[in-house]
Amino acid sequence: MQSVITSKFQTTIPKAVRDRLKLSIHDTLEWKIDKGKIVILPVQKEFLKHRNRIKTGPGKIEDDIHRARQQRIKKYR
């Protein structure tokens, strides 16, 4: 597979690569040089591995704010 570097030094990731690595808009890539070769790796967002592990129910934002403020007061006393 090949892609062209534009005048702004941008390039398009081929669709086959995007699909295989499950890349999407706003994903981050890490660029490395290893023995004269360019290595491009997708950066895995660590927090996504915790998706759907914590179940929450309906709540009141006012109660949450009050509780957070009380905890902050206790922390700085």
C-alpha atoms as a PDB file:
ATOM      1  CA  MET A   1       0.000   0.000   0.000  1.00  0.00           C
ATOM      2  CA  GLN A   2       1.125   3.516  -0.701  1.00  0.00           C
ATOM      3  CA  SER A   3       0.005   7.015   0.110  1.00  0.00           C
ATOM      4  CA  VAL A   4       1.209  10.425  -1.006  1.00  0.00           C
ATOM      5  CA  ILE A   5       2.588  13.153   1.253  1.00  0.00           C
ATOM      6  CA  THR A   6       0.882  16.486   0.482  1.00  0.00           C
ATOM      7  CA  SER A   7       2.468  19.944   0.419  1.00  0.00           C
ATOM      8  CA  LYS A   8       1.383  20.296   4.072  1.00  0.00           C
ATOM      9  CA  PHE A   9       3.163  17.004   4.928  1.00  0.00           C
ATOM     10  CA  GLN A  10      -0.133  15.193   5.445  1.00  0.00           C
ATOM     11  CA  THR A  11      -1.009  11.738   4.194  1.00  0.00           C
ATOM     12  CA  THR A  12      -4.067   9.496   4.060  1.00  0.00           C
ATOM     13  CA  ILE A  13      -4.118   6.234   5.972  1.00  0.00           C
ATOM     14  CA  PRO A  14      -5.331   3.554   3.548  1.00  0.00           C
ATOM     15  CA  LYS A  15      -8.804   2.206   4.330  1.00  0.00           C
ATOM     16  CA  ALA A  16      -7.538  -1.358   4.722  1.00  0.00           C
ATOM     17  CA  VAL A  17      -5.141  -0.183   7.457  1.00  0.00           C
ATOM     18  CA  ARG A  18      -7.822   1.916   9.186  1.00  0.00           C
ATOM     19  CA  ASP A  19     -10.219  -1.017   9.184  1.00  0.00           C
ATOM     20  CA  ARG A  20      -7.695  -3.557  10.421  1.00  0.00           C
ATOM     21  CA  LEU A  21      -6.504  -1.327  13.280  1.00  0.00           C
ATOM     22  CA  LYS A  22     -10.035  -0.055  13.987  1.00  0.00           C
ATOM     23  CA  LEU A  23      -8.928   3.574  13.647  1.00  0.00           C
ATOM     24  CA  SER A  24     -11.433   6.384  13.596  1.00  0.00           C
ATOM     25  CA  ILE A  25     -11.554  10.171  13.601  1.00  0.00           C
ATOM     26  CA  HIS A  26      -9.603  11.817  16.461  1.00  0.00           C
ATOM     27  CA  ASP A  27      -7.595   8.670  17.259  1.00  0.00           C
ATOM     28  CA  THR A  28      -3.943   9.298  18.060  1.00  0.00           C
ATOM     29  CA  LEU A  29      -0.952   7.756  16.317  1.00  0.00           C
ATOM     30  CA  GLU A  30       2.552   7.434  17.714  1.00  0.00           C
ATOM     31  CA  TRP A  31       5.430   7.803  15.256  1.00  0.00           C
ATOM     32  CA  LYS A  32       8.787   6.130  15.874  1.00  0.00           C
ATOM     33  CA  ILE A  33      11.949   5.676  13.854  1.00  0.00           C
ATOM     34  CA  ASP A  34      13.471   2.218  14.255  1.00  0.00           C
ATOM     35  CA  LYS A  35      16.652   1.345  12.357  1.00  0.00           C
ATOM     36  CA  GLY A  36      15.825   3.759   9.544  1.00  0.00           C
ATOM     37  CA  LYS A  37      12.184   2.670   9.259  1.00  0.00           C
ATOM     38  CA  ILE A  38       9.080   4.587  10.255  1.00  0.00           C
ATOM     39  CA  VAL A  39       6.847   2.723  12.692  1.00  0.00           C
ATOM     40  CA  ILE A  40       3.359   4.098  13.280  1.00  0.00           C
ATOM     41  CA  LEU A  41       1.379   2.729  16.218  1.00  0.00           C
ATOM     42  CA  PRO A  42      -2.162   3.499  17.349  1.00  0.00           C
ATOM     43  CA  VAL A  43      -2.216   4.908  20.878  1.00  0.00           C
ATOM     44  CA  GLN A  44      -4.655   2.951  22.983  1.00  0.00           C
ATOM     45  CA  LYS A  45      -6.719   5.075  25.310  1.00  0.00           C
ATOM     46  CA  GLU A  46      -6.392   3.340  28.669  1.00  0.00           C
ATOM     47  CA  PHE A  47      -9.648   4.673  30.089  1.00  0.00           C
ATOM     48  CA  LEU A  48     -11.657   2.975  27.346  1.00  0.00           C
ATOM     49  CA  LYS A  49     -10.764  -0.468  28.705  1.00  0.00           C
ATOM     50  CA  HIS A  50     -13.006   0.377  31.697  1.00  0.00           C
ATOM     51  CA  ARG A  51     -16.045   1.166  29.545  1.00  0.00           C
ATOM     52  CA  ASN A  52     -19.322  -0.188  30.980  1.00  0.00           C
ATOM     53  CA  ARG A  53     -17.684  -1.543  34.147  1.00  0.00           C
ATOM     54  CA  ILE A  54     -19.255   0.980  36.496  1.00  0.00           C
ATOM     55  CA  LYS A  55     -23.019   1.077  36.589  1.00  0.00           C
ATOM     56  CA  THR A  56     -24.664   4.250  37.774  1.00  0.00           C
ATOM     57  CA  GLY A  57     -28.245   5.072  38.351  1.00  0.00           C
ATOM     58  CA  PRO A  58     -30.198   8.277  38.197  1.00  0.00           C
ATOM     59  CA  GLY A  59     -29.075  10.923  40.632  1.00  0.00           C
ATOM     60  CA  LYS A  60     -29.272  14.595  41.437  1.00  0.00           C
ATOM     61  CA  ILE A  61     -26.373  16.785  40.357  1.00  0.00           C
ATOM     62  CA  GLU A  62     -27.052  19.153  43.242  1.00  0.00           C
ATOM     63  CA  ASP A  63     -26.480  16.332  45.750  1.00  0.00           C
ATOM     64  CA  ASP A  64     -23.255  15.327  44.011  1.00  0.00           C
ATOM     65  CA  ILE A  65     -21.961  18.914  44.064  1.00  0.00           C
ATOM     66  CA  HIS A  66     -22.827  19.281  47.750  1.00  0.00           C
ATOM     67  CA  ARG A  67     -21.094  15.983  48.608  1.00  0.00           C
ATOM     68  CA  ALA A  68     -17.982  16.976  46.613  1.00  0.00           C
ATOM     69  CA  ARG A  69     -17.806  20.343  48.374  1.00  0.00           C
ATOM     70  CA  GLN A  70     -18.098  18.685  51.778  1.00  0.00           C
ATOM     71  CA  GLN A  71     -15.264  16.291  50.918  1.00  0.00           C
ATOM     72  CA  ARG A  72     -13.105  19.197  49.767  1.00  0.00           C
ATOM     73  CA  ILE A  73     -13.761  21.083  53.030  1.00  0.00           C
ATOM     74  CA  LYS A  74     -12.718  18.030  55.054  1.00  0.00           C
ATOM     75  CA  LYS A  75      -9.565  17.616  52.953  1.00  0.00           C
ATOM     76  CA  TYR A  76      -8.320  21.160  53.584  1.00  0.00           C
ATOM     77  CA  ARG A  77      -9.097  21.351  57.311  1.00  0.00           C
END
